Amino acid sequence: MLGLDHYAPFLLSAFGITLVVLVGYALYLRSRLTGLRRRAQAYSGRNVSAAAPMATTAQAASSAKGPSAP
């Protein structure tokens, strides 16, 4: 009919390459997701309230002026 016997090697290779790319991308996304989960779990396991307080921009700007003259 459409000469599928003639196009069979091309179609098989095209589908094979597509399948390999999709499986590789799925594995890549899976590894990224597990890394994000691991990082989120490590972050939530930390005691964040015990960390040193960070200066806000307002505090940093006011302390950058130095002591005020009388």
C-alpha atoms as a PDB file:
ATOM      1  CA  MET A   1       0.000   0.000   0.000  1.00  0.00           C
ATOM      2  CA  LEU A   2       2.175   2.820   1.254  1.00  0.00           C
ATOM      3  CA  GLY A   3       5.403   0.948   0.856  1.00  0.00           C
ATOM      4  CA  LEU A   4       5.800   0.315   4.579  1.00  0.00           C
ATOM      5  CA  ASP A   5       8.296  -2.422   3.780  1.00  0.00           C
ATOM      6  CA  HIS A   6      10.454   0.234   2.215  1.00  0.00           C
ATOM      7  CA  TYR A   7      10.112   2.643   5.187  1.00  0.00           C
ATOM      8  CA  ALA A   8      10.282   0.016   7.937  1.00  0.00           C
ATOM      9  CA  PRO A   9      13.991   0.516   8.817  1.00  0.00           C
ATOM     10  CA  PHE A  10      13.529   4.286   8.928  1.00  0.00           C
ATOM     11  CA  LEU A  11      10.407   4.055  11.094  1.00  0.00           C
ATOM     12  CA  LEU A  12      11.964   1.560  13.475  1.00  0.00           C
ATOM     13  CA  SER A  13      15.086   3.649  13.908  1.00  0.00           C
ATOM     14  CA  ALA A  14      13.061   6.851  14.374  1.00  0.00           C
ATOM     15  CA  PHE A  15      10.851   5.245  17.017  1.00  0.00           C
ATOM     16  CA  GLY A  16      13.874   3.648  18.660  1.00  0.00           C
ATOM     17  CA  ILE A  17      15.748   6.939  18.896  1.00  0.00           C
ATOM     18  CA  THR A  18      12.632   8.674  20.214  1.00  0.00           C
ATOM     19  CA  LEU A  19      12.160   5.993  22.835  1.00  0.00           C
ATOM     20  CA  VAL A  20      15.801   6.227  23.942  1.00  0.00           C
ATOM     21  CA  VAL A  21      15.585  10.022  24.237  1.00  0.00           C
ATOM     22  CA  LEU A  22      12.339   9.891  26.205  1.00  0.00           C
ATOM     23  CA  VAL A  23      13.649   7.234  28.598  1.00  0.00           C
ATOM     24  CA  GLY A  24      16.863   9.212  29.102  1.00  0.00           C
ATOM     25  CA  TYR A  25      14.924  12.386  29.810  1.00  0.00           C
ATOM     26  CA  ALA A  26      12.646  10.566  32.256  1.00  0.00           C
ATOM     27  CA  LEU A  27      15.686   9.229  34.111  1.00  0.00           C
ATOM     28  CA  TYR A  28      17.198  12.728  34.182  1.00  0.00           C
ATOM     29  CA  LEU A  29      13.995  14.211  35.612  1.00  0.00           C
ATOM     30  CA  ARG A  30      13.779  11.417  38.166  1.00  0.00           C
ATOM     31  CA  SER A  31      17.325  12.088  39.372  1.00  0.00           C
ATOM     32  CA  ARG A  32      16.607  15.821  39.627  1.00  0.00           C
ATOM     33  CA  LEU A  33      13.437  15.143  41.607  1.00  0.00           C
ATOM     34  CA  THR A  34      15.169  12.804  44.037  1.00  0.00           C
ATOM     35  CA  GLY A  35      17.912  15.404  44.513  1.00  0.00           C
ATOM     36  CA  LEU A  36      15.336  18.077  45.290  1.00  0.00           C
ATOM     37  CA  ARG A  37      13.551  15.775  47.711  1.00  0.00           C
ATOM     38  CA  ARG A  38      16.819  14.924  49.435  1.00  0.00           C
ATOM     39  CA  ARG A  39      17.739  18.605  49.696  1.00  0.00           C
ATOM     40  CA  ALA A  40      14.290  19.529  51.026  1.00  0.00           C
ATOM     41  CA  GLN A  41      14.426  16.757  53.592  1.00  0.00           C
ATOM     42  CA  ALA A  42      17.881  17.853  54.751  1.00  0.00           C
ATOM     43  CA  TYR A  43      16.661  21.442  55.005  1.00  0.00           C
ATOM     44  CA  SER A  44      13.553  20.512  56.981  1.00  0.00           C
ATOM     45  CA  GLY A  45      15.644  18.321  59.281  1.00  0.00           C
ATOM     46  CA  ARG A  46      17.827  21.247  60.303  1.00  0.00           C
ATOM     47  CA  ASN A  47      16.989  23.387  63.292  1.00  0.00           C
ATOM     48  CA  VAL A  48      16.546  26.656  61.428  1.00  0.00           C
ATOM     49  CA  SER A  49      15.673  28.682  64.535  1.00  0.00           C
ATOM     50  CA  ALA A  50      19.112  27.945  66.023  1.00  0.00           C
ATOM     51  CA  ALA A  51      20.876  29.527  63.065  1.00  0.00           C
ATOM     52  CA  ALA A  52      22.540  32.900  63.478  1.00  0.00           C
ATOM     53  CA  PRO A  53      20.142  35.751  62.777  1.00  0.00           C
ATOM     54  CA  MET A  54      20.651  37.470  59.462  1.00  0.00           C
ATOM     55  CA  ALA A  55      20.707  41.242  59.289  1.00  0.00           C
ATOM     56  CA  THR A  56      17.930  42.795  57.273  1.00  0.00           C
ATOM     57  CA  THR A  57      18.662  45.523  54.763  1.00  0.00           C
ATOM     58  CA  ALA A  58      17.380  48.187  57.128  1.00  0.00           C
ATOM     59  CA  GLN A  59      19.732  47.026  59.879  1.00  0.00           C
ATOM     60  CA  ALA A  60      22.662  46.824  57.490  1.00  0.00           C
ATOM     61  CA  ALA A  61      22.037  50.345  56.158  1.00  0.00           C
ATOM     62  CA  SER A  62      21.685  51.901  59.599  1.00  0.00           C
ATOM     63  CA  SER A  63      24.795  50.208  60.946  1.00  0.00           C
ATOM     64  CA  ALA A  64      26.804  51.176  57.851  1.00  0.00           C
ATOM     65  CA  LYS A  65      26.534  54.861  58.793  1.00  0.00           C
ATOM     66  CA  GLY A  66      28.535  54.308  61.947  1.00  0.00           C
ATOM     67  CA  PRO A  67      27.974  56.118  65.239  1.00  0.00           C
ATOM     68  CA  SER A  68      25.954  59.268  64.961  1.00  0.00           C
ATOM     69  CA  ALA A  69      27.596  62.510  66.052  1.00  0.00           C
ATOM     70  CA  PRO A  70      25.880  64.405  68.939  1.00  0.00           C
END
